[in-house]
Protein backbone atom coordinates (compact mmCIF):
# COMPACT_ATOMS: atom_id res chain seq x y z
CA MET A 1 9.03 -12.53 33.17
CA THR A 2 11.65 -9.98 32.16
CA GLU A 3 10.63 -6.42 32.90
CA ASN A 4 10.04 -4.36 29.77
CA ALA A 5 11.77 -1.01 30.32
CA ALA A 6 9.98 0.44 27.30
CA LEU A 7 6.68 0.24 29.21
CA SER A 8 7.77 2.74 31.84
CA GLY A 9 5.15 5.48 31.78
CA TYR A 10 2.66 3.26 29.93
CA PRO A 11 0.38 2.05 32.75
CA ASP A 12 -2.40 1.15 30.30
CA HIS A 13 -0.10 -1.36 28.60
CA ALA A 14 -0.06 -3.91 31.39
CA ASP A 15 -2.36 -6.10 29.27
CA ALA A 16 -1.12 -4.85 25.91
CA VAL A 17 -1.76 -7.06 22.87
CA PRO A 18 1.18 -8.20 20.71
CA LEU A 19 0.44 -6.76 17.27
CA HIS A 20 1.75 -9.72 15.31
CA GLY A 21 1.16 -13.44 14.99
CA PRO A 22 -1.02 -15.77 12.90
CA ALA A 23 -4.36 -14.43 14.16
CA LEU A 24 -3.69 -11.09 12.50
CA ASP A 25 -3.20 -12.74 9.11
CA GLU A 26 -5.46 -15.79 9.20
CA ASP A 27 -8.63 -14.21 10.60
CA PRO A 28 -8.16 -10.45 10.90
CA ASP A 29 -11.89 -9.72 11.26
CA GLU A 30 -12.13 -11.91 14.36
CA PHE A 31 -8.90 -10.39 15.67
CA TYR A 32 -10.27 -6.86 15.31
CA GLN A 33 -13.59 -7.86 16.91
CA ARG A 34 -11.78 -9.35 19.89
CA LEU A 35 -9.69 -6.21 20.33
CA ARG A 36 -12.83 -4.09 20.19
CA ARG A 37 -14.61 -6.22 22.79
CA GLU A 38 -11.68 -6.33 25.19
CA HIS A 39 -10.02 -2.95 24.73
CA GLY A 40 -12.30 -0.54 22.87
CA THR A 41 -11.43 1.55 19.84
CA VAL A 42 -7.88 2.55 20.85
CA VAL A 43 -5.93 -0.55 21.84
CA PRO A 44 -2.68 -0.74 23.85
CA VAL A 45 -0.36 -2.91 21.76
CA LEU A 46 3.23 -4.12 21.64
CA LEU A 47 5.14 -3.96 18.38
CA ASP A 48 8.29 -5.95 17.61
CA ASP A 49 10.79 -6.10 20.49
CA GLY A 50 8.03 -5.24 22.96
CA VAL A 51 7.82 -1.56 21.97
CA PRO A 52 4.51 0.01 23.12
CA ALA A 53 2.11 1.83 20.83
CA TRP A 54 -1.60 2.52 20.38
CA PHE A 55 -3.61 0.73 17.70
CA VAL A 56 -6.48 2.92 16.47
CA ILE A 57 -9.28 0.62 15.22
CA GLY A 58 -12.37 2.83 15.57
CA TYR A 59 -13.64 4.53 12.43
CA ARG A 60 -14.58 7.73 14.27
CA GLU A 61 -11.31 7.81 16.21
CA LEU A 62 -9.22 7.22 13.10
CA HIS A 63 -11.11 9.96 11.28
CA HIS A 64 -10.29 12.27 14.21
CA VAL A 65 -6.58 11.43 14.01
CA PHE A 66 -6.53 12.08 10.26
CA GLY A 67 -8.38 15.36 10.71
CA MET A 68 -6.07 16.73 13.43
CA PRO A 69 -2.56 16.94 11.92
CA HIS A 70 -1.56 19.52 14.55
CA LEU A 71 -2.19 16.91 17.27
CA PHE A 72 -0.94 13.83 15.44
CA GLY A 73 2.12 14.51 13.31
CA ARG A 74 4.27 12.58 10.83
CA ASP A 75 7.73 13.39 12.21
CA SER A 76 8.96 10.20 13.88
CA ARG A 77 11.77 11.99 15.70
CA ARG A 78 9.31 12.92 18.46
CA TRP A 79 8.78 9.24 19.40
CA ASN A 80 9.29 8.93 23.15
CA VAL A 81 10.68 5.36 23.17
CA TRP A 82 13.45 5.59 20.60
CA GLU A 83 16.02 4.42 23.14
CA HIS A 84 14.21 1.07 23.29
CA VAL A 85 14.09 0.49 19.52
CA PRO A 86 16.92 -1.85 18.39
CA ALA A 87 19.10 -0.25 15.75
CA ASP A 88 19.02 -3.39 13.61
CA GLY A 89 15.35 -4.23 14.16
CA PRO A 90 12.35 -4.00 11.81
CA LEU A 91 10.92 -0.95 13.59
CA MET A 92 14.01 1.08 12.76
CA ALA A 93 13.56 0.29 9.07
CA THR A 94 9.91 1.39 9.22
CA PHE A 95 10.03 4.43 11.50
CA ARG A 96 13.52 5.89 11.21
CA TRP A 97 13.13 9.50 10.13
CA GLN A 98 14.32 10.40 6.65
CA PRO A 99 14.11 13.72 4.77
CA THR A 100 11.34 12.42 2.49
CA VAL A 101 7.80 13.62 2.00
CA LEU A 102 6.60 10.68 4.15
CA PHE A 103 7.84 12.37 7.33
CA ALA A 104 7.21 15.99 6.33
CA GLU A 105 4.63 18.13 8.14
CA GLY A 106 2.76 21.41 7.76
CA ALA A 107 3.83 23.82 5.04
CA GLU A 108 6.76 21.58 4.07
CA ARG A 109 4.43 18.64 3.53
CA GLN A 110 2.03 20.78 1.48
CA ARG A 111 4.85 22.13 -0.68
CA ARG A 112 6.18 18.70 -1.53
CA THR A 113 2.87 16.88 -1.94
CA GLY A 114 1.68 19.77 -4.09
CA ALA A 115 4.62 19.27 -6.44
CA ILE A 116 4.12 15.51 -6.53
CA GLY A 117 0.38 15.86 -7.10
CA ASP A 118 0.79 18.36 -9.93
CA ALA A 119 3.44 16.19 -11.61
CA MET A 120 1.13 13.16 -11.46
CA ASP A 121 -2.04 15.04 -12.37
CA ALA A 122 -0.60 15.90 -15.77
CA VAL A 123 -0.70 12.21 -16.69
CA ASP A 124 -3.39 11.60 -19.32
CA ARG A 125 -5.78 9.02 -17.87
CA THR A 126 -6.62 7.46 -21.23
CA GLU A 127 -2.95 7.05 -22.11
CA LEU A 128 -2.32 5.63 -18.63
CA ALA A 129 -5.03 3.00 -19.11
CA MET A 130 -3.56 2.07 -22.49
CA LEU A 131 -0.08 1.75 -21.00
CA ALA A 132 -1.37 -0.43 -18.15
CA GLU A 133 -3.21 -2.60 -20.69
CA GLN A 134 -0.05 -2.97 -22.78
CA VAL A 135 2.04 -4.01 -19.77
CA SER A 136 -0.68 -6.44 -18.66
CA ASP A 137 -1.02 -7.94 -22.13
CA ARG A 138 2.72 -8.48 -22.44
CA LEU A 139 2.89 -10.27 -19.09
CA ILE A 140 -0.04 -12.51 -20.04
CA ASP A 141 1.74 -13.32 -23.32
CA GLY A 142 4.52 -14.78 -21.21
CA PHE A 143 2.32 -17.44 -19.61
CA ALA A 144 -0.82 -17.67 -21.80
CA GLY A 145 0.41 -20.83 -23.51
CA ASP A 146 1.12 -22.63 -20.25
CA GLY A 147 -2.48 -23.05 -19.12
CA LYS A 148 -1.46 -22.09 -15.59
CA ALA A 149 0.09 -19.14 -13.76
CA ASP A 150 0.61 -17.47 -10.42
CA LEU A 151 -1.28 -14.20 -10.75
CA VAL A 152 0.67 -12.64 -7.86
CA THR A 153 4.31 -13.25 -8.80
CA GLN A 154 3.86 -13.42 -12.57
CA TYR A 155 1.28 -10.68 -12.93
CA ALA A 156 0.01 -8.38 -10.17
CA ARG A 157 3.39 -7.65 -8.58
CA ARG A 158 5.00 -6.86 -11.93
CA ILE A 159 2.51 -4.36 -13.33
CA PRO A 160 2.49 -1.15 -11.20
CA ALA A 161 6.27 -0.64 -11.02
CA GLN A 162 6.60 -1.01 -14.78
CA VAL A 163 3.80 1.45 -15.48
CA ILE A 164 4.94 4.00 -12.91
CA ALA A 165 8.60 3.79 -13.96
CA ARG A 166 7.63 4.55 -17.53
CA LEU A 167 5.54 7.51 -16.42
CA MET A 168 8.61 8.79 -14.59
CA GLY A 169 10.64 8.63 -17.79
CA MET A 170 12.82 5.67 -16.90
CA PRO A 171 14.43 3.90 -19.87
CA GLU A 172 13.11 0.53 -21.04
CA ALA A 173 16.44 -1.16 -20.31
CA ASP A 174 15.90 -0.64 -16.57
CA MET A 175 12.41 -2.14 -16.32
CA ASP A 176 13.29 -5.66 -15.14
CA ASP A 177 15.74 -4.38 -12.54
CA VAL A 178 13.25 -1.78 -11.31
CA VAL A 179 10.51 -4.37 -10.79
CA THR A 180 12.88 -6.77 -9.04
CA ASN A 181 14.38 -4.21 -6.69
CA VAL A 182 11.10 -2.50 -5.79
CA ASN A 183 9.64 -5.83 -4.72
CA VAL A 184 12.78 -6.79 -2.78
CA VAL A 185 12.62 -3.51 -0.86
CA LEU A 186 9.06 -4.21 0.19
CA ASP A 187 9.75 -7.87 1.04
CA ALA A 188 12.03 -6.75 3.92
CA THR A 189 14.69 -9.45 3.46
CA SER A 190 18.47 -9.50 3.92
CA GLU A 191 18.68 -8.13 0.36
CA THR A 192 16.48 -5.12 1.08
CA PHE A 193 19.28 -2.65 1.81
CA ALA A 194 21.11 -3.48 -1.42
CA ALA A 195 17.89 -3.13 -3.40
CA TYR A 196 17.09 0.20 -1.73
CA THR A 197 20.59 1.47 -2.49
CA TRP A 198 20.22 0.46 -6.12
CA LEU A 199 16.91 2.31 -6.40
CA ARG A 200 18.32 5.43 -4.74
CA ASP A 201 21.28 5.45 -7.13
CA ARG A 202 19.04 4.83 -10.14
CA MET A 203 16.68 7.63 -9.17
CA SER A 204 19.58 10.04 -8.77
CA THR A 205 20.89 9.05 -12.20
CA LEU A 206 17.46 9.47 -13.76
CA MET A 207 16.89 12.88 -12.20
CA ALA A 208 20.34 14.08 -13.27
CA ALA A 209 19.55 13.05 -16.85
CA LYS A 210 16.18 14.83 -16.74
CA ARG A 211 17.79 18.03 -15.48
CA GLU A 212 19.99 17.95 -18.56
CA VAL A 213 17.33 16.87 -21.05
CA PRO A 214 13.75 17.25 -19.72
CA GLY A 215 10.92 15.20 -21.17
CA ASP A 216 7.17 14.81 -20.90
CA ASP A 217 7.29 12.74 -17.73
CA ILE A 218 6.74 12.93 -13.97
CA ALA A 219 10.44 13.32 -13.17
CA SER A 220 10.85 16.34 -15.46
CA ARG A 221 7.67 17.97 -14.18
CA LEU A 222 8.78 17.48 -10.59
CA ILE A 223 12.11 19.17 -11.32
CA ALA A 224 10.44 22.12 -13.09
CA HIS A 225 7.68 22.63 -10.52
CA PRO A 226 7.37 26.12 -8.97
CA ALA A 227 7.81 24.54 -5.52
CA GLU A 228 11.52 24.41 -6.43
CA LEU A 229 12.34 21.13 -4.76
CA SER A 230 16.03 20.68 -4.04
CA ASP A 231 17.88 17.95 -5.90
CA GLU A 232 17.79 15.76 -2.79
CA GLU A 233 14.07 16.35 -2.21
CA ALA A 234 13.17 15.55 -5.80
CA ASP A 235 15.36 12.42 -5.90
CA LEU A 236 14.04 11.09 -2.59
CA ASP A 237 10.39 11.85 -3.25
CA LEU A 238 10.45 10.28 -6.70
CA GLY A 239 11.92 7.11 -5.21
CA VAL A 240 9.31 7.10 -2.43
CA MET A 241 6.58 7.53 -5.03
CA LEU A 242 7.74 4.48 -6.97
CA VAL A 243 8.14 2.19 -3.95
CA VAL A 244 5.04 3.29 -2.04
CA ALA A 245 2.76 3.11 -5.09
CA ASN A 246 3.82 -0.34 -6.23
CA THR A 247 2.78 -2.75 -3.48
CA PRO A 248 -0.65 -1.27 -2.63
CA THR A 249 -1.59 -1.20 -6.32
CA ALA A 250 -0.23 -4.71 -6.87
CA GLY A 251 -2.18 -5.88 -3.83
CA TRP A 252 -5.30 -4.18 -5.13
CA ILE A 253 -4.97 -6.14 -8.39
CA GLY A 254 -4.27 -9.46 -6.69
CA ASN A 255 -6.95 -9.09 -4.00
CA THR A 256 -9.56 -8.10 -6.59
CA LEU A 257 -8.76 -11.10 -8.77
CA ARG A 258 -8.98 -13.34 -5.71
CA LEU A 259 -12.38 -11.92 -4.75
CA MET A 260 -13.74 -12.38 -8.25
CA LEU A 261 -12.50 -15.98 -8.34
CA VAL A 262 -13.73 -17.10 -4.91
CA ASN A 263 -16.95 -15.11 -4.41
CA ASP A 264 -20.04 -16.41 -6.20
CA ARG A 265 -21.38 -12.87 -6.59
CA PHE A 266 -18.48 -12.13 -8.93
CA SER A 267 -17.41 -15.50 -10.32
CA ILE A 268 -20.58 -15.90 -12.37
CA THR A 269 -19.73 -12.69 -14.22
CA LEU A 270 -16.08 -13.45 -15.02
CA GLN A 271 -16.73 -14.03 -18.69
CA GLY A 272 -17.05 -10.51 -20.02
CA GLY A 273 -18.17 -9.24 -16.64
CA ARG A 274 -16.45 -5.88 -16.78
CA SER A 275 -19.30 -4.12 -14.99
CA SER A 276 -18.49 -6.00 -11.80
CA VAL A 277 -14.77 -5.13 -11.73
CA GLY A 278 -15.27 -1.70 -10.19
CA GLN A 279 -17.61 -3.12 -7.56
CA ALA A 280 -15.10 -5.83 -6.66
CA MET A 281 -12.27 -3.30 -6.42
CA ASN A 282 -14.29 -1.14 -4.04
CA GLU A 283 -15.24 -4.12 -1.90
CA VAL A 284 -11.55 -5.05 -1.61
CA LEU A 285 -10.80 -1.57 -0.27
CA TRP A 286 -13.41 -2.12 2.44
CA ARG A 287 -12.65 -5.74 3.37
CA ASP A 288 -9.07 -6.52 2.36
CA PRO A 289 -7.30 -3.22 1.60
CA PRO A 290 -3.73 -3.90 0.45
CA LEU A 291 -2.42 -1.28 2.88
CA ARG A 292 -4.33 -2.47 5.90
CA THR A 293 -2.32 -0.67 8.59
CA ALA A 294 -0.55 2.67 8.17
CA PRO A 295 2.74 3.03 10.04
CA GLY A 296 1.77 5.90 12.26
CA ARG A 297 1.33 9.31 13.75
CA TRP A 298 3.01 10.73 16.81
CA ALA A 299 1.17 12.81 19.39
CA THR A 300 2.47 16.38 19.46
CA GLN A 301 1.05 16.95 22.96
CA ASP A 302 -0.79 15.12 25.73
CA CYS A 303 -4.37 14.41 24.69
CA GLU A 304 -7.21 11.90 24.90
CA LEU A 305 -8.46 9.56 22.20
CA GLY A 306 -11.14 6.91 22.53
CA GLY A 307 -11.05 7.24 26.31
CA ARG A 308 -7.29 6.66 26.42
CA ARG A 309 -4.68 9.04 27.77
CA ILE A 310 -2.19 9.66 24.98
CA ARG A 311 1.14 11.20 25.94
CA LYS A 312 3.23 13.56 23.89
CA GLY A 313 5.47 11.43 21.67
CA ASP A 314 3.28 8.31 21.77
CA LEU A 315 2.99 6.36 18.54
CA LEU A 316 -0.44 5.69 17.05
CA VAL A 317 -0.60 2.82 14.57
CA LEU A 318 -3.50 3.40 12.18
CA GLY A 319 -5.79 0.41 11.63
CA LEU A 320 -7.27 1.20 8.22
CA ALA A 321 -8.83 -2.23 7.67
CA ALA A 322 -9.90 -2.44 11.31
CA ALA A 323 -11.67 0.93 11.08
CA ASN A 324 -13.39 -0.16 7.86
CA ALA A 325 -14.74 -3.16 9.81
CA ASP A 326 -16.04 -1.00 12.68
CA PRO A 327 -19.63 -2.20 13.33
CA ARG A 328 -20.67 1.45 13.52
CA VAL A 329 -19.85 1.54 9.80
CA GLN A 330 -20.51 -2.06 8.76
CA PRO A 331 -23.25 -3.33 11.07
CA ALA A 332 -24.02 -6.54 9.16
CA ASP A 333 -21.76 -9.54 8.51
CA GLU A 334 -22.80 -9.68 4.86
CA TYR A 335 -22.57 -5.95 4.26
CA GLU A 336 -21.95 -5.14 0.60
CA PRO A 337 -20.48 -1.64 0.20
CA GLY A 338 -21.67 -1.16 -3.37
CA ALA A 339 -20.67 2.36 -4.44
CA ASN A 340 -19.91 3.52 -0.88
CA ARG A 341 -16.37 4.93 -0.90
CA ALA A 342 -16.21 6.21 2.66
CA HIS A 343 -13.54 3.65 3.54
CA MET A 344 -10.26 4.67 5.16
CA SER A 345 -8.01 2.75 2.78
CA PHE A 346 -6.38 5.88 1.34
CA GLY A 347 -6.38 7.77 4.61
CA HIS A 348 -8.09 11.12 5.00
CA GLY A 349 -7.19 14.76 5.36
CA GLU A 350 -3.87 16.56 5.04
CA TYR A 351 -1.70 13.48 5.47
CA SER A 352 -3.72 11.16 3.23
CA CYS A 353 -2.44 9.61 0.04
CA PRO A 354 -1.92 12.73 -2.11
CA TYR A 355 -4.23 13.45 -5.02
CA PRO A 356 -4.34 12.05 -7.68
CA ALA A 357 -2.41 8.93 -6.60
CA PRO A 358 -5.52 6.89 -5.65
CA GLU A 359 -7.15 7.72 -8.98
CA LEU A 360 -4.07 6.73 -10.98
CA GLY A 361 -3.71 3.53 -8.96
CA GLU A 362 -7.34 2.71 -9.71
CA VAL A 363 -6.81 3.20 -13.45
CA ILE A 364 -3.82 0.82 -13.38
CA ALA A 365 -5.53 -1.81 -11.22
CA GLU A 366 -8.79 -1.76 -13.16
CA ALA A 367 -6.98 -2.12 -16.48
CA ALA A 368 -4.94 -5.05 -15.15
CA VAL A 369 -8.00 -6.92 -13.86
CA GLU A 370 -10.04 -6.31 -17.01
CA VAL A 371 -7.25 -7.39 -19.37
CA LEU A 372 -6.71 -10.61 -17.43
CA LEU A 373 -10.41 -11.49 -17.49
CA ASP A 374 -10.70 -10.64 -21.19
CA ARG A 375 -7.63 -12.63 -22.20
CA LEU A 376 -8.34 -15.67 -20.00
CA PRO A 377 -12.14 -15.88 -19.79
CA ASP A 378 -12.18 -19.37 -18.25
CA VAL A 379 -9.56 -18.64 -15.59
CA ASP A 380 -10.14 -20.53 -12.35
CA LEU A 381 -8.34 -21.21 -9.10
CA ALA A 382 -5.88 -24.10 -9.21
CA VAL A 383 -6.36 -24.73 -5.48
CA SER A 384 -9.21 -24.47 -3.02
CA PRO A 385 -9.86 -20.95 -1.67
CA ASP A 386 -8.85 -22.16 1.80
CA ALA A 387 -5.40 -23.05 0.49
CA LEU A 388 -4.59 -19.43 -0.40
CA ARG A 389 -2.20 -17.83 2.08
CA TRP A 390 -1.72 -14.18 3.03
CA ARG A 391 1.77 -12.76 3.44
CA ARG A 392 2.79 -12.24 7.06
CA SER A 393 2.73 -8.49 7.53
CA LEU A 394 1.27 -5.98 9.96
CA TRP A 395 1.17 -3.35 7.25
CA MET A 396 0.12 -5.08 4.03
CA ARG A 397 -2.73 -7.44 3.11
CA ASN A 398 -1.37 -9.26 0.07
CA LEU A 399 -1.50 -12.87 -1.07
CA GLU A 400 1.64 -14.98 -1.23
CA THR A 401 0.42 -16.65 -4.43
CA LEU A 402 -2.72 -16.86 -6.55
CA PRO A 403 -2.35 -20.05 -8.64
CA VAL A 404 -4.83 -20.37 -11.50
CA VAL A 405 -5.54 -22.59 -14.49
CA PHE A 406 -7.08 -21.73 -17.85
CA SER A 407 -7.23 -22.89 -21.44
CA PRO A 408 -3.83 -22.30 -23.08
CA THR A 409 -3.83 -19.64 -25.75
CA ALA A 410 -1.21 -18.39 -28.17
CA PRO A 411 0.49 -15.03 -27.51
CA ARG A 412 -0.91 -12.13 -29.46
CA PRO A 413 0.80 -11.53 -32.82
CA GLY A 414 3.24 -8.63 -32.69
CA SER A 415 3.15 -8.49 -28.87
CA TRP A 416 4.38 -5.19 -27.46
CA ASP A 417 7.63 -5.64 -25.51
CA ALA A 418 6.99 -4.54 -21.92
CA GLY A 419 10.45 -5.44 -20.70
């Protein structure tokens, strides 16, 4: 066996667990339980290319990490194994430091998230719900007459980017290209760099136009905010907002529709069962959160967590879904969370998903699910539940496809053009 130079100084990683493979996607609950039995709540793991890290899967331990930003920071430049990370590998794409709000800390982080939060908070929730309903209706019009559809590729993945781009003030002519490129960026394919470059250029063009002629939109409010973001900060953070918001919200829509189609507790209420949508959405955040693992924090000094010795510069990978499944939080196999929102799916504390992003995402997702169920009341899976496949990803918990059948219906007269 070839010696792994990256493990020098990591004595606890002699029996480290590779944090990839089919077990993570096919039966994550069993995978997390096995890790807990064999390694505890802070697990020594190997990422791609054998790079060591710690996987935090305990609810209490994850809460501690979130609540101690001075001990566990966002700046990836402090990582102590950078020399072992291949320049062309997937870890570089995920963890390479960039001057965006994602890697900002302390007062800088607060300044930039404050500006983003204020720009988003001015969005009228009722108007947002109406916009999400319009986008959803237009997409359904495109396949309603077919009697079948893939609710991932034709629906869930196309809604958030369209809604968010409009809130940012992007012109209608760009909608198709925005949706395509946002999803390519998050698919991590050979086309990702070109898609990311297109989005960066388009955001810069949009922001330049808004500096000349402001409007009632997120981009204009971000530019005018008292935090006085530089042109580069505003351009980068707006792009991050679009990309980061799309896939989790799309996954929330798709995973909720899946749950309501496969679980008897929800399937019997599909016809007009709006009251169960919120419950299903909350259960998804507990059991199958679309962002199931957050990329990480880096220890700012030597410390201890979950009985493990953590060195300065060590990477902690944050197991959001794993912490939600901690038996100290969910002691029973058939636990139904109901209205309990103490999940970790949006993070916690200073570095959590900034307010009001989770609320706006919920408005979009809820509208998308409700419109689909209203428009296609007899919708049903076209395959057995066991045939559904999850995308291979450490970070996301999203379906590859969600094929359904339903009674064909005619498009609505005078359908609104969502692009």
